[in-house]
Amino acid sequence: MIASISGKVARVDRDCVVVEVGGIGYQVYVPDPVLDQLRPGDSMRLFTYLVVRQDALSLFGFETLEAREFFELLLSVNGVGPRLALSILSVLSPETIRRSVFNEQAEIFSRVPGVGKKTAQKIQFHLQDKIKAVAGLEPMAAYSEVDGEVLNALTSLGYSVVEAQAALQFIPRDAPQDVETRLRLALQYFSR
C-alpha cells in the first residue's frame, strides 16, 4: 500500500489533485476541504489509501492520519464505496462523525449528498463498535440537547455541519444554557 505521498501540486481538478513526485504525476482524490486549500506549486504531504479494482488503481489522500482511518472505517460499511466515503469526509469532519456515532445521530450522515436515511442508519450502526475499538478514537463529549438545537438551527441557516460545529466550540464554556443565547454567541463566530 502507498501510505503517504509528498511532492508539489502540479494541477488541481474538480475532485482530485495531481502530485508530482520525482517527475511522475500521481492523481490523488482528496476531500473538498483539502482541495479548497491547495494551489499549483504548493508543497504538500498526504496520507494515502490505495483502492485496487479490477479496472483501476485509485489513490485517495488525506491531510491527517485520523481522516485516513475514518475513510477506512467508512469503507468497511456495506454499501459505502470509496467515492461515497470521500463525499462523507468532504462534508463531515472526523470529529463530527465520531460525535454523531456516539450520540446516535444518524441524521447527520443524511446531510451528505448521496446518503439516504437507510444508509445513514447503516453507517451509524456499523461504526458504533468500530470507532470504540480503534485506539485514539475515544468518545467525545456528547452535545447537550440545547447545543443539538443550536447545531440544527445553524445548519438550517445554510452553514455546513463542520462550520456549525466550529461555531459551537467558539461558545464560552460558562455561557447560559438557553438556545437563543447560545445561537447568538455561535453566530458571532461567523462575524469575526
Protein backbone atom coordinates (compact mmCIF):
# COMPACT_ATOMS: atom_id res chain seq x y z
CA MET A 1 0.00 0.00 0.00
CA ILE A 2 1.13 3.55 -0.66
CA ALA A 3 0.92 5.04 2.85
CA SER A 4 1.78 8.66 2.05
CA ILE A 5 2.88 10.93 -0.74
CA SER A 6 4.92 14.14 -0.63
CA GLY A 7 5.56 16.44 -3.52
CA LYS A 8 4.43 19.53 -5.40
CA VAL A 9 0.90 20.12 -6.60
CA ALA A 10 1.06 20.07 -10.40
CA ARG A 11 -2.67 20.52 -11.01
CA VAL A 12 -5.90 20.91 -9.05
CA ASP A 13 -9.00 19.41 -10.64
CA ARG A 14 -12.65 19.26 -9.54
CA ASP A 15 -12.23 16.25 -7.24
CA CYS A 16 -8.52 15.48 -7.23
CA VAL A 17 -5.01 16.85 -7.33
CA VAL A 18 -2.02 15.76 -9.35
CA VAL A 19 1.01 15.50 -7.08
CA GLU A 20 4.36 15.46 -8.85
CA VAL A 21 6.99 13.28 -7.21
CA GLY A 22 10.32 12.70 -8.95
CA GLY A 23 8.94 13.66 -12.35
CA ILE A 24 5.86 11.41 -12.04
CA GLY A 25 2.39 12.87 -11.52
CA TYR A 26 0.08 10.93 -9.20
CA GLN A 27 -3.66 11.59 -9.36
CA VAL A 28 -4.95 11.70 -5.77
CA TYR A 29 -8.63 12.07 -4.85
CA VAL A 30 -8.99 14.30 -1.78
CA PRO A 31 -11.88 15.65 0.35
CA ASP A 32 -13.22 19.09 -0.62
CA PRO A 33 -11.72 20.95 2.39
CA VAL A 34 -8.23 19.77 1.34
CA LEU A 35 -8.91 20.52 -2.32
CA ASP A 36 -10.01 24.08 -1.49
CA GLN A 37 -6.71 24.99 0.13
CA LEU A 38 -4.30 23.59 -2.48
CA ARG A 39 -2.82 25.60 -5.34
CA PRO A 40 -0.46 24.52 -8.16
CA GLY A 41 3.14 24.79 -6.98
CA ASP A 42 2.32 24.14 -3.29
CA SER A 43 4.40 21.56 -1.47
CA MET A 44 2.24 19.02 0.27
CA ARG A 45 2.09 15.72 2.10
CA LEU A 46 -0.94 13.45 2.14
CA PHE A 47 -1.67 10.22 3.98
CA THR A 48 -2.99 7.93 1.29
CA TYR A 49 -5.11 4.85 0.75
CA LEU A 50 -4.82 2.82 -2.45
CA VAL A 51 -8.03 1.25 -3.77
CA VAL A 52 -7.37 -1.64 -6.12
CA ARG A 53 -10.16 -2.58 -8.52
CA GLN A 54 -10.19 -4.89 -11.49
CA ASP A 55 -10.11 -1.98 -13.92
CA ALA A 56 -8.35 0.77 -11.93
CA LEU A 57 -5.95 1.78 -9.18
CA SER A 58 -7.23 4.87 -7.32
CA LEU A 59 -5.28 6.80 -4.75
CA PHE A 60 -7.18 8.73 -2.04
CA GLY A 61 -5.34 11.30 0.09
CA PHE A 62 -6.00 12.90 3.46
CA GLU A 63 -4.42 15.67 5.46
CA THR A 64 -4.29 13.64 8.68
CA LEU A 65 -3.87 10.02 9.70
CA GLU A 66 -7.17 10.31 11.58
CA ALA A 67 -9.03 11.24 8.38
CA ARG A 68 -7.48 8.25 6.58
CA GLU A 69 -8.53 5.96 9.46
CA PHE A 70 -12.10 7.23 9.20
CA PHE A 71 -12.00 6.67 5.43
CA GLU A 72 -11.01 3.04 6.06
CA LEU A 73 -13.75 2.67 8.68
CA LEU A 74 -16.34 4.05 6.26
CA LEU A 75 -15.17 1.62 3.57
CA SER A 76 -15.89 -1.25 5.97
CA VAL A 77 -19.61 -0.33 5.90
CA ASN A 78 -21.54 -2.50 3.44
CA GLY A 79 -22.69 -0.29 0.55
CA VAL A 80 -20.16 2.51 1.13
CA GLY A 81 -17.55 2.70 -1.60
CA PRO A 82 -14.52 4.97 -1.85
CA ARG A 83 -16.35 7.81 -3.63
CA LEU A 84 -19.15 7.92 -1.05
CA ALA A 85 -16.65 7.67 1.83
CA LEU A 86 -14.75 10.61 0.30
CA SER A 87 -18.02 12.57 -0.04
CA ILE A 88 -18.76 11.93 3.64
CA LEU A 89 -15.32 13.23 4.63
CA SER A 90 -15.83 16.24 2.36
CA VAL A 91 -18.91 17.25 4.36
CA LEU A 92 -18.22 15.85 7.84
CA SER A 93 -15.01 16.11 9.83
CA PRO A 94 -13.75 13.05 11.72
CA GLU A 95 -14.84 14.76 14.94
CA THR A 96 -18.36 15.27 13.57
CA ILE A 97 -18.54 11.63 12.51
CA ARG A 98 -17.34 10.50 15.93
CA ARG A 99 -19.86 12.69 17.75
CA SER A 100 -22.76 11.62 15.56
CA VAL A 101 -21.92 7.93 16.08
CA PHE A 102 -21.57 8.24 19.85
CA ASN A 103 -24.69 10.38 20.14
CA GLU A 104 -26.59 8.05 17.79
CA GLN A 105 -27.43 10.88 15.40
CA ALA A 106 -27.65 9.04 12.08
CA GLU A 107 -29.45 12.05 10.58
CA ILE A 108 -26.09 13.89 10.46
CA PHE A 109 -24.95 11.44 7.74
CA SER A 110 -28.14 12.15 5.76
CA ARG A 111 -26.84 15.68 5.12
CA VAL A 112 -24.21 14.23 2.79
CA PRO A 113 -25.33 14.15 -0.87
CA GLY A 114 -25.89 10.52 -1.86
CA VAL A 115 -26.55 9.26 1.67
CA GLY A 116 -30.17 8.37 2.32
CA LYS A 117 -31.84 7.63 5.63
CA LYS A 118 -31.23 3.86 5.47
CA THR A 119 -27.57 4.24 4.52
CA ALA A 120 -27.11 6.83 7.29
CA GLN A 121 -28.56 4.42 9.84
CA LYS A 122 -26.38 1.60 8.50
CA ILE A 123 -23.25 3.78 8.80
CA GLN A 124 -24.12 4.87 12.34
CA PHE A 125 -24.90 1.31 13.47
CA HIS A 126 -21.82 -0.23 11.83
CA LEU A 127 -19.38 2.39 13.14
CA GLN A 128 -20.68 2.25 16.72
CA ASP A 129 -18.49 -0.68 17.73
CA LYS A 130 -15.67 0.01 15.29
CA ILE A 131 -14.88 3.53 16.49
CA LYS A 132 -14.72 2.39 20.10
CA ALA A 133 -12.26 -0.35 19.14
CA VAL A 134 -9.76 1.89 17.32
CA ALA A 135 -7.05 3.39 19.52
CA GLY A 136 -7.08 7.16 19.52
CA LEU A 137 -10.74 7.37 18.55
CA GLU A 138 -12.17 7.54 22.05
CA PRO A 139 -15.63 9.02 22.56
CA MET A 140 -16.00 12.77 22.51
CA ALA A 141 -18.25 14.54 24.98
CA ALA A 142 -21.84 14.47 23.81
CA TYR A 143 -23.60 17.66 22.81
CA SER A 144 -26.25 18.81 25.18
CA GLU A 145 -29.82 18.91 23.90
CA VAL A 146 -29.54 22.73 23.72
CA ASP A 147 -26.35 22.54 21.63
CA GLY A 148 -28.05 19.99 19.37
CA GLU A 149 -30.82 22.53 18.73
CA VAL A 150 -28.22 25.24 18.07
CA LEU A 151 -26.43 22.91 15.62
CA ASN A 152 -29.72 22.21 13.80
CA ALA A 153 -30.54 25.93 13.69
CA LEU A 154 -27.13 26.77 12.20
CA THR A 155 -27.37 24.06 9.54
CA SER A 156 -30.91 25.19 8.65
CA LEU A 157 -29.45 28.69 8.14
CA GLY A 158 -27.17 27.23 5.48
CA TYR A 159 -23.95 26.61 7.40
CA SER A 160 -22.25 23.25 6.90
CA VAL A 161 -22.09 20.78 9.79
CA VAL A 162 -18.34 21.45 10.10
CA GLU A 163 -18.91 25.23 10.28
CA ALA A 164 -21.73 24.77 12.80
CA GLN A 165 -19.53 22.58 15.00
CA ALA A 166 -16.70 25.13 14.87
CA ALA A 167 -19.18 27.82 15.95
CA LEU A 168 -20.38 25.62 18.84
CA GLN A 169 -16.80 25.22 20.04
CA PHE A 170 -16.46 29.03 19.93
CA ILE A 171 -19.18 29.42 22.58
CA PRO A 172 -17.63 30.08 26.02
CA ARG A 173 -17.99 27.17 28.45
CA ASP A 174 -19.70 29.35 31.05
CA ALA A 175 -22.33 30.67 28.61
CA PRO A 176 -26.01 30.30 29.63
CA GLN A 177 -27.70 27.06 28.57
CA ASP A 178 -30.60 28.55 26.59
CA VAL A 179 -30.93 28.13 22.83
CA GLU A 180 -31.33 31.83 21.96
CA THR A 181 -28.21 32.98 23.83
CA ARG A 182 -26.07 30.10 22.57
CA LEU A 183 -27.26 30.63 18.99
CA ARG A 184 -26.44 34.35 19.20
CA LEU A 185 -22.95 33.52 20.52
CA ALA A 186 -22.43 30.88 17.83
CA LEU A 187 -23.41 33.36 15.09
CA GLN A 188 -20.73 35.76 16.41
CA TYR A 189 -18.18 33.15 15.30
CA PHE A 190 -19.07 33.88 11.66
CA SER A 191 -18.78 37.66 12.03
CA ARG A 192 -15.24 37.66 13.46
